[in-house]
């Protein structure tokens, strides 16, 4: 049995100001599709300005959304290949 090594590179980019952080997560898949998702974080006015924390929250939210989009894509491909509606894929 032959095993093929496959790798994906996920890119995360951030934009931030004093109160808000937004993140975009993107992955290019071997089938040529590109999946992109966004996440946001807002700093409460009484909290200390900690850009790293905003990046972690916004990044996690973008990655979570990316994961959900990938699950939806996989589910759709299973249905198309089988000609039936498959059971939901859970995280």
N, C-alpha and C. Protein backbone atom coordinates (compact mmCIF):
# COMPACT_ATOMS: atom_id res chain seq x y z
N UNK A 1 0.85 -1.19 0.00
CA UNK A 1 0.00 0.00 0.00
C UNK A 1 0.89 1.24 0.00
N UNK A 2 0.60 2.15 -0.91
CA UNK A 2 1.40 3.37 -1.03
C UNK A 2 0.72 4.52 -0.29
N UNK A 3 1.50 5.23 0.48
CA UNK A 3 0.98 6.39 1.19
C UNK A 3 1.49 7.65 0.52
N UNK A 4 0.61 8.61 0.35
CA UNK A 4 0.98 9.88 -0.25
C UNK A 4 0.93 10.96 0.81
N UNK A 5 2.01 11.70 0.91
CA UNK A 5 2.04 12.82 1.87
C UNK A 5 1.31 14.00 1.24
N UNK A 6 0.39 14.54 1.99
CA UNK A 6 -0.38 15.69 1.54
C UNK A 6 -0.25 16.77 2.60
N UNK A 7 -0.10 18.00 2.18
CA UNK A 7 -0.01 19.09 3.14
C UNK A 7 -0.85 20.27 2.68
N UNK A 8 -1.40 20.96 3.62
CA UNK A 8 -2.13 22.20 3.35
C UNK A 8 -1.44 23.30 4.12
N UNK A 9 -1.37 24.46 3.51
CA UNK A 9 -0.85 25.64 4.20
C UNK A 9 -2.01 26.60 4.41
N UNK A 10 -2.28 26.89 5.65
CA UNK A 10 -3.34 27.84 6.00
C UNK A 10 -2.69 29.18 6.26
N UNK A 11 -3.21 30.21 5.62
CA UNK A 11 -2.70 31.57 5.81
C UNK A 11 -3.66 32.35 6.69
N UNK A 12 -3.10 33.09 7.62
CA UNK A 12 -3.90 33.99 8.47
C UNK A 12 -3.34 35.39 8.32
N UNK A 13 -4.21 36.34 8.06
CA UNK A 13 -3.82 37.74 8.00
C UNK A 13 -4.71 38.53 8.94
N UNK A 14 -4.11 39.54 9.58
CA UNK A 14 -4.83 40.34 10.57
C UNK A 14 -4.80 41.81 10.20
N UNK A 15 -5.87 42.49 10.54
CA UNK A 15 -5.93 43.95 10.50
C UNK A 15 -6.46 44.37 11.86
N UNK A 16 -5.83 45.40 12.43
CA UNK A 16 -6.29 45.81 13.76
C UNK A 16 -6.10 47.29 14.00
N UNK A 17 -6.92 47.80 14.89
CA UNK A 17 -6.75 49.14 15.41
C UNK A 17 -6.81 49.03 16.93
N UNK A 18 -7.02 50.13 17.61
CA UNK A 18 -7.01 50.11 19.08
C UNK A 18 -8.14 49.28 19.69
N UNK A 19 -9.25 49.12 18.96
CA UNK A 19 -10.43 48.46 19.52
C UNK A 19 -10.81 47.15 18.85
N UNK A 20 -10.41 46.96 17.59
CA UNK A 20 -10.91 45.83 16.80
C UNK A 20 -9.78 45.07 16.12
N UNK A 21 -9.97 43.78 15.99
CA UNK A 21 -9.06 42.94 15.22
C UNK A 21 -9.91 42.08 14.29
N UNK A 22 -9.51 42.06 13.03
CA UNK A 22 -10.17 41.15 12.09
C UNK A 22 -9.11 40.22 11.51
N UNK A 23 -9.55 39.00 11.23
CA UNK A 23 -8.65 37.98 10.69
C UNK A 23 -9.29 37.36 9.46
N UNK A 24 -8.44 37.00 8.51
CA UNK A 24 -8.87 36.25 7.35
C UNK A 24 -8.01 34.99 7.31
N UNK A 25 -8.68 33.83 7.27
CA UNK A 25 -7.99 32.55 7.14
C UNK A 25 -8.28 32.02 5.74
N UNK A 26 -7.24 31.48 5.08
CA UNK A 26 -7.42 31.00 3.73
C UNK A 26 -6.57 29.75 3.51
N UNK A 27 -7.14 28.79 2.79
CA UNK A 27 -6.42 27.58 2.42
C UNK A 27 -6.70 27.30 0.95
N UNK A 28 -5.65 26.92 0.23
CA UNK A 28 -5.79 26.46 -1.15
C UNK A 28 -5.73 24.93 -1.12
N UNK A 29 -6.74 24.29 -1.67
CA UNK A 29 -6.84 22.84 -1.63
C UNK A 29 -6.26 22.22 -2.90
N UNK A 30 -5.86 20.96 -2.82
CA UNK A 30 -5.28 20.29 -3.99
C UNK A 30 -6.20 20.25 -5.21
N UNK A 31 -7.53 20.35 -4.99
CA UNK A 31 -8.46 20.34 -6.13
C UNK A 31 -8.56 21.71 -6.81
N UNK A 32 -7.75 22.67 -6.33
CA UNK A 32 -7.72 23.99 -6.95
C UNK A 32 -8.64 25.01 -6.31
N UNK A 33 -9.49 24.57 -5.41
CA UNK A 33 -10.38 25.54 -4.78
C UNK A 33 -9.65 26.28 -3.65
N UNK A 34 -10.15 27.44 -3.37
CA UNK A 34 -9.63 28.27 -2.28
C UNK A 34 -10.79 28.52 -1.33
N UNK A 35 -10.57 28.25 -0.05
CA UNK A 35 -11.60 28.46 0.96
C UNK A 35 -11.12 29.57 1.87
N UNK A 36 -11.97 30.56 2.09
CA UNK A 36 -11.60 31.74 2.88
C UNK A 36 -12.68 32.01 3.92
N UNK A 37 -12.25 32.41 5.11
CA UNK A 37 -13.20 32.73 6.18
C UNK A 37 -12.68 33.91 7.00
N UNK A 38 -13.58 34.56 7.68
CA UNK A 38 -13.23 35.74 8.48
C UNK A 38 -13.62 35.55 9.95
N UNK A 39 -12.90 36.25 10.80
CA UNK A 39 -13.20 36.28 12.22
C UNK A 39 -12.91 37.66 12.77
N UNK A 40 -13.59 38.03 13.83
CA UNK A 40 -13.45 39.37 14.40
C UNK A 40 -13.35 39.30 15.93
N UNK A 41 -12.71 40.29 16.49
CA UNK A 41 -12.65 40.45 17.94
C UNK A 41 -12.72 41.94 18.25
N UNK A 42 -13.35 42.27 19.36
CA UNK A 42 -13.44 43.66 19.81
C UNK A 42 -12.96 43.74 21.25
N UNK A 43 -12.17 44.76 21.53
CA UNK A 43 -11.68 44.98 22.89
C UNK A 43 -12.67 45.84 23.65
N UNK A 44 -13.04 45.40 24.84
CA UNK A 44 -13.90 46.21 25.69
C UNK A 44 -13.08 47.42 26.15
N UNK A 45 -13.70 48.55 26.26
CA UNK A 45 -12.98 49.80 26.55
C UNK A 45 -12.22 49.78 27.88
N UNK A 46 -12.64 48.94 28.83
CA UNK A 46 -11.93 48.91 30.12
C UNK A 46 -10.77 47.90 30.13
N UNK A 47 -10.68 47.06 29.09
CA UNK A 47 -9.60 46.08 29.03
C UNK A 47 -8.32 46.70 28.52
N UNK A 48 -7.20 46.13 28.94
CA UNK A 48 -5.89 46.60 28.46
C UNK A 48 -5.77 46.29 26.98
N UNK A 49 -5.00 47.11 26.26
CA UNK A 49 -4.77 46.90 24.84
C UNK A 49 -3.75 45.76 24.68
N UNK A 50 -4.22 44.58 24.29
CA UNK A 50 -3.37 43.41 24.10
C UNK A 50 -3.60 42.86 22.69
N UNK A 51 -2.89 43.40 21.70
CA UNK A 51 -3.12 42.97 20.32
C UNK A 51 -3.02 41.46 20.12
N UNK A 52 -2.12 40.79 20.84
CA UNK A 52 -1.95 39.35 20.68
C UNK A 52 -3.24 38.61 21.03
N UNK A 53 -3.92 39.06 22.08
CA UNK A 53 -5.17 38.41 22.50
C UNK A 53 -6.24 38.61 21.42
N UNK A 54 -6.33 39.81 20.89
CA UNK A 54 -7.29 40.06 19.81
C UNK A 54 -7.00 39.19 18.60
N UNK A 55 -5.72 39.02 18.27
CA UNK A 55 -5.34 38.15 17.15
C UNK A 55 -5.74 36.70 17.42
N UNK A 56 -5.51 36.25 18.65
CA UNK A 56 -5.86 34.86 18.99
C UNK A 56 -7.36 34.63 18.87
N UNK A 57 -8.15 35.57 19.35
CA UNK A 57 -9.61 35.41 19.30
C UNK A 57 -10.10 35.50 17.86
N UNK A 58 -9.69 36.54 17.14
CA UNK A 58 -10.14 36.70 15.76
C UNK A 58 -9.63 35.55 14.89
N UNK A 59 -8.38 35.12 15.12
CA UNK A 59 -7.82 34.01 14.37
C UNK A 59 -8.56 32.71 14.64
N UNK A 60 -8.87 32.45 15.90
CA UNK A 60 -9.61 31.24 16.25
C UNK A 60 -11.00 31.24 15.60
N UNK A 61 -11.65 32.39 15.59
CA UNK A 61 -12.98 32.48 14.98
C UNK A 61 -12.90 32.27 13.47
N UNK A 62 -11.87 32.81 12.83
CA UNK A 62 -11.70 32.61 11.39
C UNK A 62 -11.40 31.14 11.09
N UNK A 63 -10.55 30.51 11.89
CA UNK A 63 -10.23 29.09 11.68
C UNK A 63 -11.44 28.20 11.92
N UNK A 64 -12.26 28.55 12.91
CA UNK A 64 -13.48 27.80 13.17
C UNK A 64 -14.42 27.88 11.97
N UNK A 65 -14.58 29.07 11.43
CA UNK A 65 -15.44 29.25 10.26
C UNK A 65 -14.85 28.50 9.06
N UNK A 66 -13.53 28.53 8.91
CA UNK A 66 -12.87 27.80 7.83
C UNK A 66 -13.15 26.30 7.96
N UNK A 67 -13.06 25.78 9.17
CA UNK A 67 -13.34 24.37 9.41
C UNK A 67 -14.77 24.03 9.02
N UNK A 68 -15.72 24.88 9.37
CA UNK A 68 -17.11 24.61 9.05
C UNK A 68 -17.33 24.62 7.53
N UNK A 69 -16.67 25.52 6.84
CA UNK A 69 -16.79 25.56 5.37
C UNK A 69 -16.20 24.30 4.74
N UNK A 70 -15.08 23.82 5.28
CA UNK A 70 -14.47 22.60 4.76
C UNK A 70 -15.37 21.39 5.00
N UNK A 71 -16.00 21.33 6.18
CA UNK A 71 -16.94 20.24 6.45
C UNK A 71 -18.13 20.28 5.48
N UNK A 72 -18.64 21.46 5.22
CA UNK A 72 -19.76 21.61 4.29
C UNK A 72 -19.35 21.18 2.88
N UNK A 73 -18.15 21.57 2.46
CA UNK A 73 -17.64 21.20 1.14
C UNK A 73 -17.50 19.68 1.05
N UNK A 74 -16.93 19.05 2.06
CA UNK A 74 -16.76 17.60 2.06
C UNK A 74 -18.12 16.89 2.03
N UNK A 75 -19.05 17.38 2.80
CA UNK A 75 -20.39 16.80 2.85
C UNK A 75 -21.05 16.86 1.47
N UNK A 76 -20.94 18.00 0.81
CA UNK A 76 -21.51 18.18 -0.52
C UNK A 76 -20.86 17.21 -1.52
N UNK A 77 -19.55 17.03 -1.41
CA UNK A 77 -18.84 16.12 -2.32
C UNK A 77 -19.24 14.66 -2.08
N UNK A 78 -19.46 14.29 -0.82
CA UNK A 78 -19.94 12.93 -0.51
C UNK A 78 -21.31 12.72 -1.15
N UNK A 79 -22.19 13.69 -1.00
CA UNK A 79 -23.54 13.58 -1.56
C UNK A 79 -23.50 13.49 -3.09
N UNK A 80 -22.65 14.31 -3.72
CA UNK A 80 -22.56 14.29 -5.18
C UNK A 80 -22.03 12.95 -5.68
N UNK A 81 -21.05 12.39 -5.00
CA UNK A 81 -20.45 11.13 -5.43
C UNK A 81 -21.39 9.95 -5.19
N UNK A 82 -22.19 10.02 -4.13
CA UNK A 82 -23.04 8.87 -3.77
C UNK A 82 -24.44 8.98 -4.36
N UNK A 83 -24.85 10.18 -4.75
CA UNK A 83 -26.19 10.37 -5.28
C UNK A 83 -27.27 10.34 -4.22
N UNK A 84 -26.89 10.49 -2.97
CA UNK A 84 -27.86 10.47 -1.88
C UNK A 84 -27.46 11.53 -0.85
N UNK A 85 -28.32 11.76 0.11
CA UNK A 85 -28.02 12.70 1.18
C UNK A 85 -27.38 11.91 2.33
N UNK A 86 -26.18 12.27 2.67
CA UNK A 86 -25.45 11.56 3.72
C UNK A 86 -25.76 12.14 5.09
N UNK A 87 -25.33 11.43 6.11
CA UNK A 87 -25.53 11.92 7.48
C UNK A 87 -24.64 13.14 7.71
N UNK A 88 -25.10 14.07 8.53
CA UNK A 88 -24.29 15.26 8.82
C UNK A 88 -22.91 14.88 9.38
N UNK A 89 -21.93 15.67 8.99
CA UNK A 89 -20.58 15.49 9.53
C UNK A 89 -20.43 16.43 10.70
N UNK A 90 -20.08 15.88 11.85
CA UNK A 90 -19.93 16.70 13.06
C UNK A 90 -18.47 16.97 13.34
N UNK A 91 -18.23 18.08 13.98
CA UNK A 91 -16.87 18.45 14.36
C UNK A 91 -16.42 17.60 15.54
